[in-house]
């Protein structure tokens, strides 16, 4: 019983510390095209941020949409599929995770960072 109360106190302190270190700065609305695509989700729809490349991703079932955010990158855009990079998983499996890595030296031009 004492162990549980100590664990809860530690957890609550940690949550309070985290709450004090995270601050909301800005909201960027989901582009209209993707809002419509997400409505058609059959099994899974996920999203995330790839801050190293200033990119956002949304997966809808076996499709992955990636676009650049910030600096007005989609100002006046985001209404058509052509406004995004789209990948489809050939096997039809749902996209559940996305990440980026630095390229191997010499594979791409030096301008490619991620």
PDB file of N, CA and C in Angstrom:
ATOM      1  N   UNK A   1       0.825  -1.195   0.000  1.00  0.00           N
ATOM      2  CA  UNK A   1       0.000   0.000   0.000  1.00  0.00           C
ATOM      3  C   UNK A   1       0.866   1.255   0.000  1.00  0.00           C
ATOM      4  N   UNK A   2       1.930   1.273   0.837  1.00  0.00           N
ATOM      5  CA  UNK A   2       2.838   2.427   0.841  1.00  0.00           C
ATOM      6  C   UNK A   2       3.578   2.549  -0.473  1.00  0.00           C
ATOM      7  N   UNK A   3       3.921   1.424  -1.063  1.00  0.00           N
ATOM      8  CA  UNK A   3       4.629   1.446  -2.333  1.00  0.00           C
ATOM      9  C   UNK A   3       3.791   2.116  -3.415  1.00  0.00           C
ATOM     10  N   UNK A   4       2.497   1.793  -3.450  1.00  0.00           N
ATOM     11  CA  UNK A   4       1.621   2.395  -4.449  1.00  0.00           C
ATOM     12  C   UNK A   4       1.503   3.899  -4.275  1.00  0.00           C
ATOM     13  N   UNK A   5       1.390   4.377  -3.054  1.00  0.00           N
ATOM     14  CA  UNK A   5       1.256   5.822  -2.845  1.00  0.00           C
ATOM     15  C   UNK A   5       2.547   6.540  -3.201  1.00  0.00           C
ATOM     16  N   UNK A   6       3.694   5.903  -2.935  1.00  0.00           N
ATOM     17  CA  UNK A   6       4.969   6.514  -3.332  1.00  0.00           C
ATOM     18  C   UNK A   6       5.096   6.563  -4.850  1.00  0.00           C
ATOM     19  N   UNK A   7       4.678   5.488  -5.511  1.00  0.00           N
ATOM     20  CA  UNK A   7       4.733   5.453  -6.966  1.00  0.00           C
ATOM     21  C   UNK A   7       3.833   6.526  -7.553  1.00  0.00           C
ATOM     22  N   UNK A   8       2.619   6.670  -7.022  1.00  0.00           N
ATOM     23  CA  UNK A   8       1.702   7.688  -7.509  1.00  0.00           C
ATOM     24  C   UNK A   8       2.256   9.088  -7.284  1.00  0.00           C
ATOM     25  N   UNK A   9       2.878   9.328  -6.139  1.00  0.00           N
ATOM     26  CA  UNK A   9       3.455  10.642  -5.867  1.00  0.00           C
ATOM     27  C   UNK A   9       4.574  10.948  -6.855  1.00  0.00           C
ATOM     28  N   UNK A  10       5.399   9.953  -7.141  1.00  0.00           N
ATOM     29  CA  UNK A  10       6.480  10.139  -8.103  1.00  0.00           C
ATOM     30  C   UNK A  10       5.916  10.410  -9.492  1.00  0.00           C
ATOM     31  N   UNK A  11       4.910   9.647  -9.884  1.00  0.00           N
ATOM     32  CA  UNK A  11       4.283   9.827 -11.187  1.00  0.00           C
ATOM     33  C   UNK A  11       3.665  11.212 -11.293  1.00  0.00           C
ATOM     34  N   UNK A  12       2.955  11.645 -10.272  1.00  0.00           N
ATOM     35  CA  UNK A  12       2.332  12.966 -10.293  1.00  0.00           C
ATOM     36  C   UNK A  12       3.369  14.075 -10.376  1.00  0.00           C
ATOM     37  N   UNK A  13       4.471  13.936  -9.667  1.00  0.00           N
ATOM     38  CA  UNK A  13       5.531  14.934  -9.743  1.00  0.00           C
ATOM     39  C   UNK A  13       6.100  14.988 -11.156  1.00  0.00           C
ATOM     40  N   UNK A  14       6.324  13.826 -11.747  1.00  0.00           N
ATOM     41  CA  UNK A  14       6.854  13.769 -13.094  1.00  0.00           C
ATOM     42  C   UNK A  14       5.889  14.423 -14.078  1.00  0.00           C
ATOM     43  N   UNK A  15       4.608  14.136 -13.958  1.00  0.00           N
ATOM     44  CA  UNK A  15       3.614  14.740 -14.846  1.00  0.00           C
ATOM     45  C   UNK A  15       3.598  16.253 -14.679  1.00  0.00           C
ATOM     46  N   UNK A  16       3.699  16.724 -13.446  1.00  0.00           N
ATOM     47  CA  UNK A  16       3.713  18.169 -13.198  1.00  0.00           C
ATOM     48  C   UNK A  16       4.960  18.795 -13.806  1.00  0.00           C
ATOM     49  N   UNK A  17       6.102  18.138 -13.665  1.00  0.00           N
ATOM     50  CA  UNK A  17       7.340  18.664 -14.249  1.00  0.00           C
ATOM     51  C   UNK A  17       7.243  18.727 -15.769  1.00  0.00           C
ATOM     52  N   UNK A  18       6.693  17.688 -16.371  1.00  0.00           N
ATOM     53  CA  UNK A  18       6.532  17.670 -17.822  1.00  0.00           C
ATOM     54  C   UNK A  18       5.575  18.768 -18.248  1.00  0.00           C
ATOM     55  N   UNK A  19       4.475  18.903 -17.541  1.00  0.00           N
ATOM     56  CA  UNK A  19       3.482  19.932 -17.877  1.00  0.00           C
ATOM     57  C   UNK A  19       4.108  21.323 -17.851  1.00  0.00           C
ATOM     58  N   UNK A  20       5.018  21.555 -16.927  1.00  0.00           N
ATOM     59  CA  UNK A  20       5.660  22.868 -16.817  1.00  0.00           C
ATOM     60  C   UNK A  20       6.724  23.108 -17.885  1.00  0.00           C
ATOM     61  N   UNK A  21       7.174  22.070 -18.569  1.00  0.00           N
ATOM     62  CA  UNK A  21       8.221  22.250 -19.576  1.00  0.00           C
ATOM     63  C   UNK A  21       7.689  22.268 -21.003  1.00  0.00           C
ATOM     64  N   UNK A  22       6.434  21.882 -21.212  1.00  0.00           N
ATOM     65  CA  UNK A  22       5.852  21.865 -22.542  1.00  0.00           C
ATOM     66  C   UNK A  22       4.914  23.052 -22.688  1.00  0.00           C
ATOM     67  N   UNK A  23       5.136  23.822 -23.731  1.00  0.00           N
ATOM     68  CA  UNK A  23       4.311  25.003 -23.979  1.00  0.00           C
ATOM     69  C   UNK A  23       3.829  24.997 -25.420  1.00  0.00           C
ATOM     70  N   UNK A  24       2.544  25.253 -25.611  1.00  0.00           N
ATOM     71  CA  UNK A  24       1.973  25.347 -26.950  1.00  0.00           C
ATOM     72  C   UNK A  24       2.352  26.692 -27.542  1.00  0.00           C
ATOM     73  N   UNK A  25       2.949  26.688 -28.723  1.00  0.00           N
ATOM     74  CA  UNK A  25       3.359  27.932 -29.371  1.00  0.00           C
ATOM     75  C   UNK A  25       2.497  28.286 -30.566  1.00  0.00           C
ATOM     76  N   UNK A  26       2.083  27.276 -31.329  1.00  0.00           N
ATOM     77  CA  UNK A  26       1.412  27.571 -32.588  1.00  0.00           C
ATOM     78  C   UNK A  26       0.606  26.358 -33.030  1.00  0.00           C
ATOM     79  N   UNK A  27      -0.488  26.600 -33.699  1.00  0.00           N
ATOM     80  CA  UNK A  27      -1.276  25.525 -34.306  1.00  0.00           C
ATOM     81  C   UNK A  27      -1.282  25.726 -35.813  1.00  0.00           C
ATOM     82  N   UNK A  28      -1.076  24.653 -36.519  1.00  0.00           N
ATOM     83  CA  UNK A  28      -1.145  24.690 -37.978  1.00  0.00           C
ATOM     84  C   UNK A  28      -2.280  23.755 -38.373  1.00  0.00           C
ATOM     85  N   UNK A  29      -3.322  24.286 -39.008  1.00  0.00           N
ATOM     86  CA  UNK A  29      -4.456  23.417 -39.360  1.00  0.00           C
ATOM     87  C   UNK A  29      -4.078  22.370 -40.400  1.00  0.00           C
ATOM     88  N   UNK A  30      -4.754  21.263 -40.335  1.00  0.00           N
ATOM     89  CA  UNK A  30      -4.571  20.209 -41.320  1.00  0.00           C
ATOM     90  C   UNK A  30      -5.063  20.720 -42.668  1.00  0.00           C
ATOM     91  N   UNK A  31      -4.303  20.523 -43.731  1.00  0.00           N
ATOM     92  CA  UNK A  31      -4.741  20.986 -45.055  1.00  0.00           C
ATOM     93  C   UNK A  31      -6.081  20.364 -45.450  1.00  0.00           C
ATOM     94  N   UNK A  32      -6.905  21.110 -46.177  1.00  0.00           N
ATOM     95  CA  UNK A  32      -8.240  20.632 -46.562  1.00  0.00           C
ATOM     96  C   UNK A  32      -8.244  19.276 -47.276  1.00  0.00           C
ATOM     97  N   UNK A  33      -7.296  19.058 -48.180  1.00  0.00           N
ATOM     98  CA  UNK A  33      -7.257  17.783 -48.904  1.00  0.00           C
ATOM     99  C   UNK A  33      -7.124  16.619 -47.926  1.00  0.00           C
ATOM    100  N   UNK A  34      -6.212  16.753 -46.950  1.00  0.00           N
ATOM    101  CA  UNK A  34      -5.999  15.657 -46.006  1.00  0.00           C
ATOM    102  C   UNK A  34      -7.176  15.491 -45.055  1.00  0.00           C
ATOM    103  N   UNK A  35      -7.822  16.583 -44.703  1.00  0.00           N
ATOM    104  CA  UNK A  35      -9.016  16.483 -43.861  1.00  0.00           C
ATOM    105  C   UNK A  35     -10.049  15.590 -44.540  1.00  0.00           C
ATOM    106  N   UNK A  36     -10.215  15.760 -45.850  1.00  0.00           N
ATOM    107  CA  UNK A  36     -11.163  14.926 -46.602  1.00  0.00           C
ATOM    108  C   UNK A  36     -10.688  13.482 -46.718  1.00  0.00           C
ATOM    109  N   UNK A  37      -9.393  13.282 -46.924  1.00  0.00           N
ATOM    110  CA  UNK A  37      -8.834  11.929 -47.046  1.00  0.00           C
ATOM    111  C   UNK A  37      -9.003  11.159 -45.724  1.00  0.00           C
ATOM    112  N   UNK A  38      -8.762  11.830 -44.613  1.00  0.00           N
ATOM    113  CA  UNK A  38      -8.867  11.173 -43.300  1.00  0.00           C
ATOM    114  C   UNK A  38     -10.292  10.675 -43.062  1.00  0.00           C
ATOM    115  N   UNK A  39     -11.272  11.366 -43.578  1.00  0.00           N
ATOM    116  CA  UNK A  39     -12.672  10.940 -43.417  1.00  0.00           C
ATOM    117  C   UNK A  39     -12.935   9.592 -44.083  1.00  0.00           C
ATOM    118  N   UNK A  40     -12.071   9.201 -45.031  1.00  0.00           N
ATOM    119  CA  UNK A  40     -12.238   7.941 -45.753  1.00  0.00           C
ATOM    120  C   UNK A  40     -11.463   6.782 -45.120  1.00  0.00           C
ATOM    121  N   UNK A  41     -10.891   6.995 -43.943  1.00  0.00           N
ATOM    122  CA  UNK A  41     -10.099   5.966 -43.272  1.00  0.00           C
ATOM    123  C   UNK A  41     -10.930   4.706 -43.038  1.00  0.00           C
ATOM    124  N   UNK A  42     -10.330   3.559 -43.399  1.00  0.00           N
ATOM    125  CA  UNK A  42     -11.003   2.275 -43.183  1.00  0.00           C
ATOM    126  C   UNK A  42     -10.486   1.580 -41.924  1.00  0.00           C
ATOM    127  N   UNK A  43      -9.150   1.599 -41.716  1.00  0.00           N
ATOM    128  CA  UNK A  43      -8.563   0.881 -40.591  1.00  0.00           C
ATOM    129  C   UNK A  43      -7.765   1.768 -39.635  1.00  0.00           C
ATOM    130  N   UNK A  44      -6.930   2.639 -40.185  1.00  0.00           N
ATOM    131  CA  UNK A  44      -6.007   3.374 -39.325  1.00  0.00           C
ATOM    132  C   UNK A  44      -5.638   4.719 -39.933  1.00  0.00           C
ATOM    133  N   UNK A  45      -5.598   5.726 -39.088  1.00  0.00           N
ATOM    134  CA  UNK A  45      -5.120   7.043 -39.495  1.00  0.00           C
ATOM    135  C   UNK A  45      -4.265   7.598 -38.370  1.00  0.00           C
ATOM    136  N   UNK A  46      -3.022   7.917 -38.692  1.00  0.00           N
ATOM    137  CA  UNK A  46      -2.077   8.429 -37.694  1.00  0.00           C
ATOM    138  C   UNK A  46      -1.395   9.665 -38.255  1.00  0.00           C
ATOM    139  N   UNK A  47      -0.760  10.452 -37.387  1.00  0.00           N
ATOM    140  CA  UNK A  47       0.000  11.606 -37.865  1.00  0.00           C
ATOM    141  C   UNK A  47       1.124  11.902 -36.896  1.00  0.00           C
ATOM    142  N   UNK A  48       2.114  12.646 -37.409  1.00  0.00           N
ATOM    143  CA  UNK A  48       3.249  12.997 -36.576  1.00  0.00           C
ATOM    144  C   UNK A  48       4.068  14.101 -37.212  1.00  0.00           C
ATOM    145  N   UNK A  49       5.084  14.528 -36.472  1.00  0.00           N
ATOM    146  CA  UNK A  49       5.966  15.611 -36.910  1.00  0.00           C
ATOM    147  C   UNK A  49       7.377  15.053 -37.071  1.00  0.00           C
ATOM    148  N   UNK A  50       8.045  15.486 -38.135  1.00  0.00           N
ATOM    149  CA  UNK A  50       9.457  15.172 -38.361  1.00  0.00           C
ATOM    150  C   UNK A  50      10.205  16.503 -38.273  1.00  0.00           C
ATOM    151  N   UNK A  51      10.490  16.968 -37.052  1.00  0.00           N
ATOM    152  CA  UNK A  51      11.031  18.317 -36.877  1.00  0.00           C
ATOM    153  C   UNK A  51      12.373  18.567 -37.551  1.00  0.00           C
ATOM    154  N   UNK A  52      13.201  17.530 -37.719  1.00  0.00           N
ATOM    155  CA  UNK A  52      14.502  17.706 -38.364  1.00  0.00           C
ATOM    156  C   UNK A  52      14.353  18.250 -39.779  1.00  0.00           C
ATOM    157  N   UNK A  53      13.290  17.875 -40.449  1.00  0.00           N
ATOM    158  CA  UNK A  53      13.071  18.298 -41.831  1.00  0.00           C
ATOM    159  C   UNK A  53      11.920  19.272 -41.995  1.00  0.00           C
ATOM    160  N   UNK A  54      11.393  19.796 -40.879  1.00  0.00           N
ATOM    161  CA  UNK A  54      10.210  20.681 -40.919  1.00  0.00           C
ATOM    162  C   UNK A  54       9.081  20.036 -41.714  1.00  0.00           C
ATOM    163  N   UNK A  55       8.842  18.760 -41.452  1.00  0.00           N
ATOM    164  CA  UNK A  55       7.821  18.027 -42.182  1.00  0.00           C
ATOM    165  C   UNK A  55       6.784  17.429 -41.230  1.00  0.00           C
ATOM    166  N   UNK A  56       5.597  17.237 -41.773  1.00  0.00           N
ATOM    167  CA  UNK A  56       4.507  16.581 -41.063  1.00  0.00           C
ATOM    168  C   UNK A  56       4.075  15.389 -41.907  1.00  0.00           C
ATOM    169  N   UNK A  57       3.653  14.321 -41.250  1.00  0.00           N
ATOM    170  CA  UNK A  57       3.158  13.160 -41.982  1.00  0.00           C
ATOM    171  C   UNK A  57       1.788  12.762 -41.471  1.00  0.00           C
ATOM    172  N   UNK A  58       0.993  12.238 -42.385  1.00  0.00           N
ATOM    173  CA  UNK A  58      -0.314  11.675 -42.061  1.00  0.00           C
ATOM    174  C   UNK A  58      -0.406  10.353 -42.806  1.00  0.00           C
ATOM    175  N   UNK A  59      -0.786   9.324 -42.090  1.00  0.00           N
ATOM    176  CA  UNK A  59      -1.024   8.048 -42.758  1.00  0.00           C
ATOM    177  C   UNK A  59      -2.515   7.754 -42.707  1.00  0.00           C
ATOM    178  N   UNK A  60      -3.026   7.270 -43.815  1.00  0.00           N
ATOM    179  CA  UNK A  60      -4.412   6.829 -43.913  1.00  0.00           C
ATOM    180  C   UNK A  60      -4.354   5.440 -44.532  1.00  0.00           C
ATOM    181  N   UNK A  61      -4.580   4.461 -43.683  1.00  0.00           N
ATOM    182  CA  UNK A  61      -4.488   3.065 -44.101  1.00  0.00           C
ATOM    183  C   UNK A  61      -3.113   2.799 -44.716  1.00  0.00           C
ATOM    184  N   UNK A  62      -3.034   2.457 -46.002  1.00  0.00           N
ATOM    185  CA  UNK A  62      -1.751   2.108 -46.625  1.00  0.00           C
ATOM    186  C   UNK A  62      -1.110   3.279 -47.374  1.00  0.00           C
ATOM    187  N   UNK A  63      -1.613   4.496 -47.160  1.00  0.00           N
ATOM    188  CA  UNK A  63      -1.061   5.682 -47.830  1.00  0.00           C
ATOM    189  C   UNK A  63      -0.385   6.599 -46.822  1.00  0.00           C
ATOM    190  N   UNK A  64       0.729   7.184 -47.245  1.00  0.00           N
ATOM    191  CA  UNK A  64       1.481   8.111 -46.409  1.00  0.00           C
ATOM    192  C   UNK A  64       1.605   9.439 -47.141  1.00  0.00           C
ATOM    193  N   UNK A  65       1.206  10.516 -46.478  1.00  0.00           N
ATOM    194  CA  UNK A  65       1.292  11.865 -47.032  1.00  0.00           C
ATOM    195  C   UNK A  65       2.292  12.657 -46.198  1.00  0.00           C
ATOM    196  N   UNK A  66       3.221  13.331 -46.879  1.00  0.00           N
ATOM    197  CA  UNK A  66       4.237  14.137 -46.200  1.00  0.00           C
ATOM    198  C   UNK A  66       4.245  15.518 -46.822  1.00  0.00           C
ATOM    199  N   UNK A  67       4.378  16.534 -45.975  1.00  0.00           N
ATOM    200  CA  UNK A  67       4.504  17.890 -46.494  1.00  0.00           C
ATOM    201  C   UNK A  67       5.317  18.735 -45.531  1.00  0.00           C
ATOM    202  N   UNK A  68       5.825  19.821 -46.065  1.00  0.00           N
ATOM    203  CA  UNK A  68       6.637  20.758 -45.290  1.00  0.00           C
ATOM    204  C   UNK A  68       5.706  21.722 -44.563  1.00  0.00           C
ATOM    205  N   UNK A  69       6.033  22.034 -43.320  1.00  0.00           N
ATOM    206  CA  UNK A  69       5.214  22.983 -42.576  1.00  0.00           C
ATOM    207  C   UNK A  69       6.027  24.223 -42.242  1.00  0.00           C
ATOM    208  N   UNK A  70       5.316  25.259 -41.873  1.00  0.00           N
ATOM    209  CA  UNK A  70       5.971  26.502 -41.477  1.00  0.00           C
ATOM    210  C   UNK A  70       6.371  27.343 -42.665  1.00  0.00           C
ATOM    211  N   UNK A  71       6.714  28.582 -42.399  1.00  0.00           N
ATOM    212  CA  UNK A  71       7.161  29.531 -43.423  1.00  0.00           C
ATOM    213  C   UNK A  71       6.167  29.630 -44.580  1.00  0.00           C
ATOM    214  N   UNK A  72       4.866  29.420 -44.296  1.00  0.00           N
ATOM    215  CA  UNK A  72       3.845  29.553 -45.329  1.00  0.00           C
ATOM    216  C   UNK A  72       3.961  28.527 -46.435  1.00  0.00           C
ATOM    217  N   UNK A  73       4.532  27.351 -46.151  1.00  0.00           N
ATOM    218  CA  UNK A  73       4.771  26.363 -47.199  1.00  0.00           C
ATOM    219  C   UNK A  73       3.495  25.891 -47.893  1.00  0.00           C
ATOM    220  N   UNK A  74       2.368  25.905 -47.193  1.00  0.00           N
ATOM    221  CA  UNK A  74       1.120  25.503 -47.830  1.00  0.00           C
ATOM    222  C   UNK A  74       0.133  26.661 -47.880  1.00  0.00           C
ATOM    223  N   UNK A  75       0.647  27.878 -47.772  1.00  0.00           N
ATOM    224  CA  UNK A  75      -0.236  29.039 -47.826  1.00  0.00           C
ATOM    225  C   UNK A  75      -0.941  29.068 -49.181  1.00  0.00           C
ATOM    226  N   UNK A  76      -2.259  28.948 -49.134  1.00  0.00           N
ATOM    227  CA  UNK A  76      -3.025  28.932 -50.376  1.00  0.00           C
ATOM    228  C   UNK A  76      -3.006  27.589 -51.074  1.00  0.00           C
ATOM    229  N   UNK A  77      -2.390  26.582 -50.467  1.00  0.00           N
ATOM    230  CA  UNK A  77      -2.314  25.257 -51.068  1.00  0.00           C
ATOM    231  C   UNK A  77      -2.894  24.238 -50.094  1.00  0.00           C
ATOM    232  N   UNK A  78      -2.741  23.007 -50.389  1.00  0.00           N
ATOM    233  CA  UNK A  78      -3.215  21.946 -49.514  1.00  0.00           C
ATOM    234  C   UNK A  78      -4.576  21.438 -49.899  1.00  0.00           C
ATOM    235  N   UNK A  79      -5.043  21.838 -51.081  1.00  0.00           N
ATOM    236  CA  UNK A  79      -6.358  21.415 -51.529  1.00  0.00           C
ATOM    237  C   UNK A  79      -6.314  20.227 -52.477  1.00  0.00           C
ATOM    238  N   UNK A  80      -5.120  19.911 -53.011  1.00  0.00           N
ATOM    239  CA  UNK A  80      -5.005  18.861 -54.018  1.00  0.00           C
ATOM    240  C   UNK A  80      -3.938  17.847 -53.595  1.00  0.00           C
ATOM    241  N   UNK A  81      -4.042  16.653 -54.145  1.00  0.00           N
ATOM    242  CA  UNK A  81      -3.074  15.599 -53.862  1.00  0.00           C
ATOM    243  C   UNK A  81      -1.668  16.020 -54.288  1.00  0.00           C
ATOM    244  N   UNK A  82      -1.566  16.845 -55.324  1.00  0.00           N
ATOM    245  CA  UNK A  82      -0.266  17.266 -55.854  1.00  0.00           C
ATOM    246  C   UNK A  82       0.505  18.162 -54.880  1.00  0.00           C
ATOM    247  N   UNK A  83      -0.162  18.678 -53.850  1.00  0.00           N
ATOM    248  CA  UNK A  83       0.491  19.549 -52.867  1.00  0.00           C
ATOM    249  C   UNK A  83       1.312  18.762 -51.850  1.00  0.00           C
ATOM    250  N   UNK A  84       1.276  17.434 -51.930  1.00  0.00           N
ATOM    251  CA  UNK A  84       1.938  16.574 -50.952  1.00  0.00           C
ATOM    252  C   UNK A  84       2.776  15.519 -51.648  1.00  0.00           C
ATOM    253  N   UNK A  85       3.720  14.967 -50.919  1.00  0.00           N
ATOM    254  CA  UNK A  85       4.411  13.769 -51.386  1.00  0.00           C
ATOM    255  C   UNK A  85       3.579  12.612 -50.841  1.00  0.00           C
ATOM    256  N   UNK A  86       3.213  11.697 -51.700  1.00  0.00           N
ATOM    257  CA  UNK A  86       2.366  10.582 -51.282  1.00  0.00           C
ATOM    258  C   UNK A  86       3.034   9.258 -51.647  1.00  0.00           C
ATOM    259  N   UNK A  87       3.054   8.355 -50.683  1.00  0.00           N
ATOM    260  CA  UNK A  87       3.584   7.012 -50.901  1.00  0.00           C
ATOM    261  C   UNK A  87       2.487   6.019 -50.561  1.00  0.00           C
ATOM    262  N   UNK A  88       2.443   4.920 -51.272  1.00  0.00           N
ATOM    263  CA  UNK A  88       1.478   3.875 -50.968  1.00  0.00           C
ATOM    264  C   UNK A  88       2.238   2.577 -50.726  1.00  0.00           C
ATOM    265  N   UNK A  89       1.894   1.883 -49.652  1.00  0.00           N
ATOM    266  CA  UNK A  89       2.543   0.625 -49.304  1.00  0.00           C
ATOM    267  C   UNK A  89       2.049  -0.456 -50.271  1.00  0.00           C
ATOM    268  N   UNK A  90       2.959  -1.041 -51.068  1.00  0.00           N
ATOM    269  CA  UNK A  90       2.544  -2.032 -52.077  1.00  0.00           C
ATOM    270  C   UNK A  90       1.787  -3.226 -51.492  1.00  0.00           C
ATOM    271  N   UNK A  91       2.124  -3.636 -50.278  1.00  0.00           N
ATOM    272  CA  UNK A  91       1.471  -4.809 -49.683  1.00  0.00           C
ATOM    273  C   UNK A  91       0.075  -4.495 -49.151  1.00  0.00           C
ATOM    274  N   UNK A  92      -0.269  -3.189 -49.089  1.00  0.00           N
ATOM    275  CA  UNK A  92      -1.581  -2.802 -48.578  1.00  0.00           C
ATOM    276  C   UNK A  92      -1.651  -2.714 -47.068  1.00  0.00           C
ATOM    277  N   UNK A  93      -0.524  -2.929 -46.379  1.00  0.00           N
ATOM    278  CA  UNK A  93      -0.516  -2.836 -44.912  1.00  0.00           C
ATOM    279  C   UNK A  93      -0.579  -1.381 -44.474  1.00  0.00           C
ATOM    280  N   UNK A  94      -1.164  -1.153 -43.300  1.00  0.00           N
ATOM    281  CA  UNK A  94      -1.291   0.205 -42.764  1.00  0.00           C
ATOM    282  C   UNK A  94       0.065   0.761 -42.349  1.00  0.00           C
ATOM    283  N   UNK A  95       0.266   2.059 -42.583  1.00  0.00           N
ATOM    284  CA  UNK A  95       1.464   2.756 -42.122  1.00  0.00           C
ATOM    285  C   UNK A  95       1.261   3.057 -40.648  1.00  0.00           C
ATOM    286  N   UNK A  96       2.192   2.622 -39.795  1.00  0.00           N
ATOM    287  CA  UNK A  96       2.036   2.824 -38.356  1.00  0.00           C
ATOM    288  C   UNK A  96       3.162   3.643 -37.731  1.00  0.00           C
ATOM    289  N   UNK A  97       4.223   3.889 -38.497  1.00  0.00           N
ATOM    290  CA  UNK A  97       5.350   4.642 -37.952  1.00  0.00           C
ATOM    291  C   UNK A  97       6.133   5.269 -39.094  1.00  0.00           C
ATOM    292  N   UNK A  98       6.669   6.461 -38.855  1.00  0.00           N
ATOM    293  CA  UNK A  98       7.449   7.166 -39.873  1.00  0.00           C
ATOM    294  C   UNK A  98       8.662   7.794 -39.192  1.00  0.00           C
ATOM    295  N   UNK A  99       9.797   7.768 -39.859  1.00  0.00           N
ATOM    296  CA  UNK A  99      11.004   8.401 -39.341  1.00  0.00           C
ATOM    297  C   UNK A  99      11.907   8.809 -40.491  1.00  0.00           C
ATOM    298  N   UNK A 100      12.861   9.660 -40.202  1.00  0.00           N
ATOM    299  CA  UNK A 100      13.841  10.049 -41.218  1.00  0.00           C
ATOM    300  C   UNK A 100      15.242   9.852 -40.653  1.00  0.00           C
ATOM    301  N   UNK A 101      16.187   9.638 -41.548  1.00  0.00           N
ATOM    302  CA  UNK A 101      17.583   9.446 -41.155  1.00  0.00           C
ATOM    303  C   UNK A 101      18.472  10.265 -42.075  1.00  0.00           C
ATOM    304  N   UNK A 102      19.670  10.535 -41.603  1.00  0.00           N
ATOM    305  CA  UNK A 102      20.649  11.212 -42.448  1.00  0.00           C
ATOM    306  C   UNK A 102      21.094  10.233 -43.535  1.00  0.00           C
ATOM    307  N   UNK A 103      21.261  10.720 -44.767  1.00  0.00           N
ATOM    308  CA  UNK A 103      21.675   9.811 -45.846  1.00  0.00           C
ATOM    309  C   UNK A 103      23.136   9.395 -45.709  1.00  0.00           C
ATOM    310  N   UNK A 104      23.447   8.273 -46.267  1.00  0.00           N
ATOM    311  CA  UNK A 104      24.815   7.781 -46.321  1.00  0.00           C
ATOM    312  C   UNK A 104      25.623   8.740 -47.193  1.00  0.00           C
ATOM    313  N   UNK A 105      26.815   9.153 -46.760  1.00  0.00           N
ATOM    314  CA  UNK A 105      27.624  10.087 -47.552  1.00  0.00           C
ATOM    315  C   UNK A 105      27.877   9.563 -48.963  1.00  0.00           C
ATOM    316  N   UNK A 106      27.742  10.462 -49.948  1.00  0.00           N
ATOM    317  CA  UNK A 106      28.022  10.116 -51.329  1.00  0.00           C
ATOM    318  C   UNK A 106      26.847   9.543 -52.103  1.00  0.00           C
ATOM    319  N   UNK A 107      25.743   9.252 -51.431  1.00  0.00           N
ATOM    320  CA  UNK A 107      24.591   8.672 -52.123  1.00  0.00           C
ATOM    321  C   UNK A 107      23.776   9.760 -52.826  1.00  0.00           C
ATOM    322  N   UNK A 108      23.558  10.899 -52.135  1.00  0.00           N
ATOM    323  CA  UNK A 108      22.809  12.014 -52.695  1.00  0.00           C
ATOM    324  C   UNK A 108      23.705  13.242 -52.783  1.00  0.00           C
ATOM    325  N   UNK A 109      23.240  14.276 -53.435  1.00  0.00           N
ATOM    326  CA  UNK A 109      23.973  15.542 -53.466  1.00  0.00           C
ATOM    327  C   UNK A 109      24.068  16.072 -52.038  1.00  0.00           C
ATOM    328  N   UNK A 110      25.101  16.890 -51.765  1.00  0.00           N
ATOM    329  CA  UNK A 110      25.350  17.383 -50.419  1.00  0.00           C
ATOM    330  C   UNK A 110      24.182  18.205 -49.855  1.00  0.00           C
ATOM    331  N   UNK A 111      23.328  18.724 -50.727  1.00  0.00           N
ATOM    332  CA  UNK A 111      22.197  19.533 -50.266  1.00  0.00           C
ATOM    333  C   UNK A 111      21.161  18.702 -49.499  1.00  0.00           C
ATOM    334  N   UNK A 112      21.124  17.384 -49.724  1.00  0.00           N
ATOM    335  CA  UNK A 112      20.171  16.498 -49.040  1.00  0.00           C
ATOM    336  C   UNK A 112      20.676  16.223 -47.627  1.00  0.00           C
ATOM    337  N   UNK A 113      19.882  16.668 -46.643  1.00  0.00           N
ATOM    338  CA  UNK A 113      20.268  16.481 -45.248  1.00  0.00           C
ATOM    339  C   UNK A 113      19.556  15.312 -44.586  1.00  0.00           C
ATOM    340  N   UNK A 114      18.317  15.022 -45.001  1.00  0.00           N
ATOM    341  CA  UNK A 114      17.518  13.978 -44.369  1.00  0.00           C
ATOM    342  C   UNK A 114      16.872  13.132 -45.424  1.00  0.00           C
TER     343      UNK A 114
END
